[in-house]
Amino acid sequence: MVDKTPPPQELVLVADSERFMKLKKAFISKYGAPPAFYARAPGRVNLIGEHIDYCGYAVLPMALEQDILAAVTPTQTNLIQLANTNPVYLDYSIHVNEIHIETAKPQWHQYFLCGLKGIQEHFNIIANGMNCVVDGTVPPSSGLSSSSALVCCAGLITMVANQKVLSKVEIAEICAKCERYIGTEGGGMDQSISFLAEKGMAKLIEFNPLRTINVKLPKGAVFVIANSCIEMNKAATAHYNIRVVECRLATKILAKAKGVKWENLLKLGDLQTELGVSLETMVSTVEQILHPEPYSREEVCEHLGISQEELCSNILSQNTQHDHELVDLIIHKYI
């Protein structure tokens, strides 16, 4: 079902919440006056369908209580001023006309700028300035979508601060695209569940077009999420993008081998739809066409009939310019 409703707005009794009171006090200490509004975006955990959203396949995540919470006041200064309740994350300010997103070693504020830039470009506006203090309870770089929650929260803030309206589906799709400004080639699951989550429900999320089905969680069920405490920043390393690009390469090689127009195909799910076959047939097709040894760039180019320059500029991402293992990864996606 496509959700056309906007993100909910509700009155918050700040005095009844210790966390809100601490955030309000931090905001007043920083900017000298109370915030105009608060915005929240939750983290997530995925129950079924790990790393297949960027292949175009359905996933089943649920939102967490842990979230990104921000206190905000729009201003007329044309300055975006950001602060964080965690002293590890330093203050940052930038003029709205000078937004640049660093992809090499992204800092926390770069994720905020992704969300801001996404809304700014969608509406073709120069965003209002703002004062903002962010508080996060999602463990960073833990696989629980702290970075995407920050992007989503920033997108929501920018929409409200500039008096714009989007449906939850529309803003989820915008935030999925704009997180790629920082170099992450994500598939859209994290942003979708952050905006479309409902209490007591997981969500079966399907893509192209984005739509969801509620999956009621057992009453009284408790989910234990074990955090290994080993941090993995998916934008600062190549690990995540390597998986995405290897699935993209496999899609193109398989499509060409099957006589399908491959140039615009990026996802295995789209290829399966194009071929009109079952998952079982896709598995056998992978095993028949792809070899288990790593594919060099030269071999990929030979299969696709393109130059290395075309491969690097049109298919690979900046941090995935190396040999790729395809078979084990793709079979893993199907099982």
Protein backbone atom coordinates (compact mmCIF):
# COMPACT_ATOMS: atom_id res chain seq x y z
CA MET A 1 0.00 0.00 0.00
CA VAL A 2 1.31 3.46 -0.92
CA ASP A 3 1.21 5.85 2.05
CA LYS A 4 0.30 9.35 0.84
CA THR A 5 0.05 10.93 4.29
CA PRO A 6 2.67 13.45 5.48
CA PRO A 7 4.93 12.76 8.46
CA PRO A 8 2.88 13.20 11.66
CA GLN A 9 3.08 16.33 13.78
CA GLU A 10 2.09 16.32 17.43
CA LEU A 11 2.33 18.47 20.52
CA VAL A 12 5.12 17.49 22.89
CA LEU A 13 4.95 18.08 26.63
CA VAL A 14 8.63 18.87 27.00
CA ALA A 15 8.42 19.19 30.78
CA ASP A 16 7.28 15.56 31.03
CA SER A 17 10.37 14.18 29.31
CA GLU A 18 13.84 14.24 30.82
CA ARG A 19 15.42 13.84 27.41
CA PHE A 20 13.44 16.68 25.86
CA MET A 21 14.22 18.92 28.82
CA LYS A 22 17.95 18.23 28.51
CA LEU A 23 17.82 18.93 24.79
CA LYS A 24 15.85 22.14 25.34
CA LYS A 25 18.37 23.33 27.94
CA ALA A 26 21.26 22.51 25.61
CA PHE A 27 19.57 24.50 22.85
CA ILE A 28 18.94 27.52 25.10
CA SER A 29 22.52 27.37 26.36
CA LYS A 30 23.79 27.36 22.78
CA TYR A 31 21.47 29.85 21.10
CA GLY A 32 19.89 31.89 23.92
CA ALA A 33 16.23 30.99 23.32
CA PRO A 34 14.01 27.87 23.27
CA PRO A 35 13.66 25.90 20.01
CA ALA A 36 10.68 26.45 17.71
CA PHE A 37 10.11 22.72 17.13
CA TYR A 38 11.56 19.24 17.54
CA ALA A 39 12.04 16.52 14.92
CA ARG A 40 12.68 12.80 15.30
CA ALA A 41 13.75 9.92 13.04
CA PRO A 42 14.23 6.37 14.39
CA GLY A 43 16.93 3.85 13.66
CA ARG A 44 16.02 0.37 12.43
CA VAL A 45 16.84 -3.30 12.55
CA ASN A 46 16.20 -5.61 9.61
CA LEU A 47 14.37 -8.86 10.35
CA ILE A 48 14.44 -10.49 6.89
CA GLY A 49 16.23 -9.53 3.68
CA GLU A 50 19.74 -8.38 4.58
CA HIS A 51 21.49 -6.34 1.88
CA ILE A 52 18.93 -6.97 -0.86
CA ASP A 53 17.12 -3.62 -1.00
CA TYR A 54 19.79 -2.27 -3.35
CA CYS A 55 19.11 -5.33 -5.54
CA GLY A 56 15.47 -4.26 -5.87
CA TYR A 57 14.07 -6.99 -3.59
CA ALA A 58 11.65 -6.64 -0.67
CA VAL A 59 12.85 -6.33 2.92
CA LEU A 60 11.23 -6.63 6.35
CA PRO A 61 12.64 -4.11 8.86
CA MET A 62 11.18 -2.54 11.97
CA ALA A 63 11.97 0.79 13.59
CA LEU A 64 13.72 1.09 16.95
CA GLU A 65 13.02 3.21 20.00
CA GLN A 66 16.57 4.52 19.58
CA ASP A 67 16.51 7.59 17.37
CA ILE A 68 17.88 10.93 16.26
CA LEU A 69 16.11 13.79 18.01
CA ALA A 70 16.74 17.43 17.13
CA ALA A 71 15.69 20.82 18.47
CA VAL A 72 15.38 23.49 15.80
CA THR A 73 14.65 27.16 15.19
CA PRO A 74 14.54 28.56 11.63
CA THR A 75 16.43 31.85 11.21
CA GLN A 76 16.88 34.62 8.64
CA THR A 77 20.67 34.49 8.82
CA ASN A 78 21.30 32.11 5.86
CA LEU A 79 23.52 30.15 8.24
CA ILE A 80 23.05 26.49 9.13
CA GLN A 81 24.35 26.19 12.69
CA LEU A 82 24.64 22.65 14.04
CA ALA A 83 25.55 21.38 17.48
CA ASN A 84 25.41 17.95 19.10
CA THR A 85 24.76 16.94 22.69
CA ASN A 86 27.62 14.44 22.35
CA PRO A 87 30.86 16.43 22.74
CA VAL A 88 32.65 13.98 20.43
CA TYR A 89 30.76 15.62 17.55
CA LEU A 90 31.96 19.18 17.09
CA ASP A 91 29.85 22.23 16.26
CA TYR A 92 29.54 23.19 12.64
CA SER A 93 28.17 26.13 10.68
CA ILE A 94 27.91 26.89 6.96
CA HIS A 95 26.16 29.36 4.67
CA VAL A 96 23.21 27.83 2.80
CA ASN A 97 24.81 28.78 -0.53
CA GLU A 98 28.12 27.07 0.29
CA ILE A 99 27.03 23.53 1.13
CA HIS A 100 29.70 20.98 0.20
CA ILE A 101 29.55 17.34 1.26
CA GLU A 102 32.89 15.67 1.94
CA THR A 103 32.97 12.00 0.92
CA ALA A 104 36.52 11.02 1.86
CA LYS A 105 36.27 11.19 5.66
CA PRO A 106 32.67 12.24 6.39
CA GLN A 107 31.92 13.84 9.73
CA TRP A 108 28.55 13.76 11.49
CA HIS A 109 27.36 17.08 10.09
CA GLN A 110 27.88 15.87 6.50
CA TYR A 111 24.96 13.47 6.93
CA PHE A 112 22.80 16.35 8.10
CA LEU A 113 23.80 18.34 5.03
CA CYS A 114 22.75 15.43 2.80
CA GLY A 115 19.17 15.68 4.06
CA LEU A 116 19.17 19.45 3.84
CA LYS A 117 20.55 19.46 0.30
CA GLY A 118 18.07 16.82 -0.82
CA ILE A 119 15.06 18.91 0.21
CA GLN A 120 16.65 22.10 -1.09
CA GLU A 121 17.18 20.56 -4.52
CA HIS A 122 13.79 18.83 -4.65
CA PHE A 123 11.96 22.13 -4.20
CA ASN A 124 14.61 24.18 -6.03
CA ILE A 125 14.89 26.61 -3.13
CA ILE A 126 17.56 28.32 -1.07
CA ALA A 127 16.80 26.89 2.35
CA ASN A 128 16.24 29.12 5.35
CA GLY A 129 19.00 29.31 7.92
CA MET A 130 18.52 27.39 11.15
CA ASN A 131 19.89 26.77 14.61
CA CYS A 132 19.87 23.11 15.54
CA VAL A 133 21.00 20.82 18.35
CA VAL A 134 21.03 17.08 17.67
CA ASP A 135 20.78 14.27 20.20
CA GLY A 136 21.21 10.64 19.12
CA THR A 137 20.60 7.35 20.93
CA VAL A 138 21.30 4.98 18.02
CA PRO A 139 24.76 3.46 18.54
CA PRO A 140 26.93 4.93 15.77
CA SER A 141 28.29 2.72 12.98
CA SER A 142 26.58 -0.32 14.51
CA GLY A 143 24.41 -1.40 11.59
CA LEU A 144 21.29 0.15 13.10
CA SER A 145 21.07 3.04 10.64
CA SER A 146 22.27 5.95 12.76
CA SER A 147 23.55 7.78 9.67
CA SER A 148 20.35 7.31 7.66
CA ALA A 149 18.27 8.39 10.67
CA LEU A 150 20.31 11.61 10.79
CA VAL A 151 19.80 12.18 7.06
CA CYS A 152 16.06 11.59 7.49
CA CYS A 153 15.83 13.87 10.50
CA ALA A 154 17.66 16.62 8.58
CA GLY A 155 15.36 16.21 5.60
CA LEU A 156 12.31 16.43 7.85
CA ILE A 157 13.71 19.51 9.62
CA THR A 158 14.45 21.26 6.34
CA MET A 159 10.97 20.51 5.00
CA VAL A 160 9.27 21.93 8.11
CA ALA A 161 11.63 24.90 8.50
CA ASN A 162 10.87 25.94 4.91
CA GLN A 163 7.10 25.35 5.21
CA LYS A 164 7.02 22.61 2.57
CA VAL A 165 4.86 19.48 2.51
CA LEU A 166 5.73 15.97 1.34
CA SER A 167 4.16 12.58 1.92
CA LYS A 168 6.09 10.06 3.99
CA VAL A 169 6.82 8.08 0.82
CA GLU A 170 8.05 11.16 -1.04
CA ILE A 171 10.42 12.31 1.70
CA ALA A 172 11.67 8.73 2.23
CA GLU A 173 12.56 8.47 -1.46
CA ILE A 174 14.27 11.88 -1.42
CA CYS A 175 16.34 10.97 1.64
CA ALA A 176 17.32 7.62 0.09
CA LYS A 177 18.66 9.45 -2.95
CA CYS A 178 20.35 12.31 -1.11
CA GLU A 179 22.31 10.06 1.26
CA ARG A 180 24.21 9.06 -1.87
CA TYR A 181 25.76 12.55 -1.84
CA ILE A 182 28.09 11.23 0.84
CA GLY A 183 29.09 8.25 -1.29
CA THR A 184 26.84 5.49 0.09
CA GLU A 185 25.08 3.55 -2.68
CA GLY A 186 22.12 2.51 -0.50
CA GLY A 187 18.89 0.89 -1.62
CA GLY A 188 16.28 2.82 0.37
CA MET A 189 15.29 0.46 3.19
CA ASP A 190 16.69 2.56 6.03
CA GLN A 191 14.98 5.78 4.99
CA SER A 192 11.71 4.05 4.17
CA ILE A 193 11.27 2.42 7.58
CA SER A 194 12.39 5.59 9.36
CA PHE A 195 9.43 7.49 7.88
CA LEU A 196 6.87 4.72 7.36
CA ALA A 197 7.21 2.79 10.63
CA GLU A 198 4.18 2.20 12.82
CA LYS A 199 3.99 1.13 16.47
CA GLY A 200 3.72 -2.63 16.90
CA MET A 201 4.44 -3.28 13.24
CA ALA A 202 7.30 -4.40 11.07
CA LYS A 203 7.02 -3.36 7.43
CA LEU A 204 7.31 -5.47 4.32
CA ILE A 205 8.85 -2.87 2.01
CA GLU A 206 8.85 -3.26 -1.76
CA PHE A 207 10.48 -0.89 -4.23
CA ASN A 208 9.90 0.63 -7.66
CA PRO A 209 7.43 1.98 -6.68
CA LEU A 210 7.93 2.23 -2.92
CA ARG A 211 5.06 0.51 -1.10
CA THR A 212 4.61 -1.24 2.24
CA ILE A 213 2.53 -3.90 3.98
CA ASN A 214 2.13 -3.97 7.76
CA VAL A 215 3.36 -7.12 9.51
CA LYS A 216 1.99 -7.18 13.04
CA LEU A 217 4.57 -8.10 15.63
CA PRO A 218 3.59 -10.64 18.32
CA LYS A 219 2.11 -8.92 21.36
CA GLY A 220 4.61 -8.86 24.20
CA ALA A 221 7.47 -9.99 21.97
CA VAL A 222 10.94 -8.73 22.89
CA PHE A 223 13.68 -8.38 20.28
CA VAL A 224 17.26 -8.60 21.52
CA ILE A 225 19.71 -6.74 19.29
CA ALA A 226 23.32 -7.66 20.02
CA ASN A 227 25.72 -4.84 19.20
CA SER A 228 29.26 -6.14 18.74
CA CYS A 229 30.63 -2.66 19.52
CA ILE A 230 32.80 -2.90 16.40
CA GLU A 231 32.06 0.24 14.42
CA MET A 232 31.69 0.19 10.63
CA ASN A 233 31.19 3.55 8.94
CA LYS A 234 29.67 2.55 5.61
CA ALA A 235 30.43 5.91 3.96
CA ALA A 236 34.04 6.05 5.13
CA THR A 237 34.94 2.55 3.90
CA ALA A 238 34.38 0.64 0.67
CA HIS A 239 32.85 -2.48 2.22
CA TYR A 240 29.21 -1.52 1.68
CA ASN A 241 29.62 -0.07 -1.79
CA ILE A 242 31.63 -3.11 -2.94
CA ARG A 243 28.56 -5.30 -2.37
CA VAL A 244 26.33 -2.88 -4.24
CA VAL A 245 28.69 -2.60 -7.20
CA GLU A 246 29.26 -6.36 -7.42
CA CYS A 247 25.51 -6.91 -7.63
CA ARG A 248 25.33 -4.20 -10.29
CA LEU A 249 28.13 -5.82 -12.34
CA ALA A 250 26.48 -9.23 -12.06
CA THR A 251 23.18 -7.76 -13.23
CA LYS A 252 24.78 -6.31 -16.34
CA ILE A 253 26.85 -9.38 -17.23
CA LEU A 254 23.86 -11.69 -16.74
CA ALA A 255 21.57 -9.39 -18.73
CA LYS A 256 23.94 -9.24 -21.69
CA ALA A 257 24.44 -13.00 -21.63
CA LYS A 258 20.66 -13.49 -21.72
CA GLY A 259 20.24 -11.07 -24.61
CA VAL A 260 18.56 -8.37 -22.52
CA LYS A 261 19.31 -4.67 -23.02
CA TRP A 262 21.70 -4.26 -20.12
CA GLU A 263 22.89 -0.65 -20.24
CA ASN A 264 20.22 0.79 -17.93
CA LEU A 265 19.76 -2.25 -15.69
CA LEU A 266 21.27 -1.80 -12.23
CA LYS A 267 19.46 -4.31 -9.99
CA LEU A 268 19.04 -8.07 -9.98
CA GLY A 269 15.35 -7.70 -9.14
CA ASP A 270 14.80 -5.59 -12.26
CA LEU A 271 16.61 -8.21 -14.33
CA GLN A 272 14.44 -10.98 -12.89
CA THR A 273 11.33 -8.99 -13.79
CA GLU A 274 12.68 -8.39 -17.29
CA LEU A 275 13.36 -12.11 -17.76
CA GLY A 276 10.06 -13.13 -16.17
CA VAL A 277 11.61 -16.03 -14.23
CA SER A 278 11.52 -17.44 -10.70
CA LEU A 279 14.13 -17.00 -7.97
CA GLU A 280 15.16 -20.64 -8.49
CA THR A 281 15.78 -19.94 -12.16
CA MET A 282 17.80 -16.85 -11.27
CA VAL A 283 20.04 -18.96 -9.02
CA SER A 284 20.68 -21.51 -11.76
CA THR A 285 21.28 -18.70 -14.26
CA VAL A 286 23.93 -17.18 -11.97
CA GLU A 287 25.63 -20.56 -11.55
CA GLN A 288 25.61 -21.22 -15.29
CA ILE A 289 26.88 -17.84 -16.48
CA LEU A 290 29.16 -16.44 -13.78
CA HIS A 291 32.41 -18.13 -12.73
CA PRO A 292 33.47 -18.36 -9.06
CA GLU A 293 36.87 -16.72 -9.54
CA PRO A 294 37.14 -12.92 -9.12
CA TYR A 295 36.40 -10.82 -12.19
CA SER A 296 39.08 -8.32 -13.20
CA ARG A 297 38.13 -4.97 -14.65
CA GLU A 298 39.51 -6.13 -18.01
CA GLU A 299 37.28 -9.19 -17.99
CA VAL A 300 34.19 -7.18 -17.06
CA CYS A 301 34.93 -4.77 -19.91
CA GLU A 302 35.35 -7.69 -22.32
CA HIS A 303 32.01 -9.19 -21.28
CA LEU A 304 30.18 -5.86 -21.66
CA GLY A 305 32.08 -4.56 -24.66
CA ILE A 306 33.07 -1.30 -22.99
CA SER A 307 36.31 0.50 -22.16
CA GLN A 308 37.81 0.70 -18.67
CA GLU A 309 37.08 4.42 -18.68
CA GLU A 310 33.39 3.71 -19.31
CA LEU A 311 33.39 1.04 -16.60
CA CYS A 312 34.91 3.38 -14.02
CA SER A 313 32.81 6.42 -14.86
CA ASN A 314 29.43 4.75 -15.51
CA ILE A 315 29.27 1.63 -13.34
CA LEU A 316 31.86 1.54 -10.55
CA SER A 317 31.77 3.93 -7.61
CA GLN A 318 34.82 5.94 -6.58
CA ASN A 319 35.93 3.48 -3.89
CA THR A 320 35.30 0.21 -5.77
CA GLN A 321 37.92 0.28 -8.52
CA HIS A 322 39.26 -3.27 -8.13
CA ASP A 323 38.59 -6.94 -8.96
CA HIS A 324 35.21 -8.33 -7.92
CA GLU A 325 33.93 -11.68 -6.71
CA LEU A 326 30.41 -12.16 -8.04
CA VAL A 327 29.08 -15.71 -7.72
CA ASP A 328 29.25 -16.26 -3.94
CA LEU A 329 27.79 -12.83 -3.26
CA ILE A 330 24.88 -13.18 -5.68
CA ILE A 331 24.00 -16.71 -4.59
CA HIS A 332 24.00 -15.42 -1.01
CA LYS A 333 21.40 -12.81 -2.00
CA TYR A 334 19.04 -15.52 -3.22
CA ILE A 335 19.36 -17.87 -0.26
